Structure formats: structure tokens, C-alpha cells
Amino acid sequence: MSKKPKKILAKLLLLLVISAAAALPETALAAPWDSTATQILGIFTGGLTRTLAIIAVIAAGIAAVAGKLSWDWTIKIVVGIVLIFGSAAIVDYVIAGASA
């Protein structure tokens, strides 16, 4: 066997071992990241962010009616806000559909 296939085989084996190790919960150490991810989700969907999103929708609507902002941008702003605040429900829906 030449050196090139051995190198490829070694890299493939290393990738397999790392993937297997990362899949184990004890090795992946997912618990600290769960609380951090939950905090970040709370920041993006919390009370202050909700208030700012409401103000943004109102301002975009007023600007669109006044002709200062195109309706295209207004719709993009609203859809972006819907995706941010609805992302948890969307993911839950996809997971429920995948497990059924």
C-alpha cells in the first residue's frame, strides 16, 4: 500500500473516532452549553427584545404608510421578527414531525 491511501485511511479513522467521541454525552459535555444556549434564547425572545420588536413593527408600518420605507422592507422586517420569536415553535414542530 502506498503512502497516500494510508494517509487517507488514517485521517478517516481519526474522523470516525472523533465523531464517535463527540456523540457520547459524557464526552460531548453538553450540559454547560445547554444553560448558555437557554440564556441566549432568553435574550433574543425576552421582554426587552419583544418591546423593541413591537416598536420596530410600528415604526416600519408608519414609515411604509408615509412612503419613507418600501413595503418590501416592511414585510422583510415583520417576517424576520416572526422567525426570531417563532423559531422555538418551528423547531419543536419539526422535531415532533420527525419523531412521529
Protein backbone atom coordinates (compact mmCIF):
# COMPACT_ATOMS: atom_id res chain seq x y z
CA MET A 1 0.00 0.00 0.00
CA SER A 2 1.43 3.41 -0.92
CA LYS A 3 1.65 6.33 1.49
CA LYS A 4 -1.28 8.27 0.06
CA PRO A 5 -4.02 5.67 0.76
CA LYS A 6 -2.55 5.11 4.24
CA LYS A 7 -2.79 8.83 4.99
CA ILE A 8 -6.38 8.97 3.77
CA LEU A 9 -7.26 5.88 5.80
CA ALA A 10 -5.60 7.35 8.91
CA LYS A 11 -7.49 10.62 8.53
CA LEU A 12 -10.76 8.77 8.00
CA LEU A 13 -10.16 6.66 11.10
CA LEU A 14 -9.32 9.75 13.14
CA LEU A 15 -12.50 11.45 11.94
CA LEU A 16 -14.53 8.38 12.87
CA VAL A 17 -13.04 8.25 16.37
CA ILE A 18 -13.62 11.97 16.97
CA SER A 19 -17.20 11.70 15.71
CA ALA A 20 -17.90 8.73 17.95
CA ALA A 21 -16.39 10.52 20.95
CA ALA A 22 -18.40 13.67 20.28
CA ALA A 23 -21.61 11.64 20.08
CA LEU A 24 -21.23 10.34 23.63
CA PRO A 25 -22.95 12.65 26.12
CA GLU A 26 -20.20 12.22 28.71
CA THR A 27 -17.57 13.25 26.20
CA ALA A 28 -19.57 15.96 24.49
CA LEU A 29 -20.13 17.82 27.78
CA ALA A 30 -23.42 19.21 26.50
CA ALA A 31 -24.77 20.26 29.90
CA PRO A 32 -22.82 23.55 30.27
CA TRP A 33 -23.78 24.57 26.75
CA ASP A 34 -27.47 23.92 27.38
CA SER A 35 -27.73 26.61 30.03
CA THR A 36 -25.77 29.07 27.88
CA ALA A 37 -27.98 28.37 24.88
CA THR A 38 -31.08 28.83 27.02
CA GLN A 39 -29.77 32.19 28.23
CA ILE A 40 -29.09 33.31 24.66
CA LEU A 41 -32.60 32.24 23.64
CA GLY A 42 -33.94 34.24 26.58
CA ILE A 43 -32.03 37.30 25.38
CA PHE A 44 -33.44 37.01 21.86
CA THR A 45 -37.02 36.35 22.97
CA GLY A 46 -37.15 38.20 26.30
CA GLY A 47 -39.24 41.16 27.38
CA LEU A 48 -36.95 43.96 26.20
CA THR A 49 -36.45 42.33 22.81
CA ARG A 50 -40.20 41.85 22.46
CA THR A 51 -40.78 45.53 23.24
CA LEU A 52 -38.15 46.59 20.70
CA ALA A 53 -39.70 44.29 18.08
CA ILE A 54 -43.14 45.83 18.66
CA ILE A 55 -41.67 49.31 18.28
CA ALA A 56 -39.85 48.22 15.11
CA VAL A 57 -43.07 46.88 13.55
CA ILE A 58 -44.94 50.06 14.44
CA ALA A 59 -42.15 52.27 13.07
CA ALA A 60 -41.85 50.20 9.88
CA GLY A 61 -45.61 50.32 9.36
CA ILE A 62 -45.77 54.08 9.84
CA ALA A 63 -42.75 54.60 7.56
CA ALA A 64 -44.29 52.35 4.88
CA VAL A 65 -47.62 54.19 5.01
CA ALA A 66 -45.78 57.53 4.82
CA GLY A 67 -43.80 56.30 1.81
CA LYS A 68 -40.42 56.54 3.56
CA LEU A 69 -39.91 52.75 3.57
CA SER A 70 -40.90 50.31 0.86
CA TRP A 71 -43.49 47.68 1.68
CA ASP A 72 -40.91 45.10 0.64
CA TRP A 73 -38.64 46.08 3.53
CA THR A 74 -41.59 46.30 5.91
CA ILE A 75 -42.60 42.74 5.07
CA LYS A 76 -38.98 41.57 5.47
CA ILE A 77 -38.80 43.17 8.92
CA VAL A 78 -42.05 41.54 10.04
CA VAL A 79 -41.06 38.12 8.66
CA GLY A 80 -37.67 38.39 10.39
CA ILE A 81 -39.32 39.15 13.71
CA VAL A 82 -41.77 36.27 13.23
CA LEU A 83 -38.86 33.91 12.56
CA ILE A 84 -36.92 35.11 15.61
CA PHE A 85 -39.83 34.78 18.04
CA GLY A 86 -41.35 31.72 16.40
CA SER A 87 -38.13 29.78 15.95
CA ALA A 88 -38.60 27.67 19.10
CA ALA A 89 -42.10 26.66 17.99
CA ILE A 90 -40.87 25.89 14.46
CA VAL A 91 -38.09 23.66 15.77
CA ASP A 92 -40.48 21.88 18.16
CA TYR A 93 -42.87 21.28 15.25
CA VAL A 94 -40.11 19.84 13.06
CA ILE A 95 -38.82 17.59 15.87
CA ALA A 96 -42.34 16.34 16.62
CA GLY A 97 -42.87 15.58 12.93
CA ALA A 98 -39.56 13.79 12.61
CA SER A 99 -40.14 11.58 15.65
CA ALA A 100 -43.67 10.55 14.64
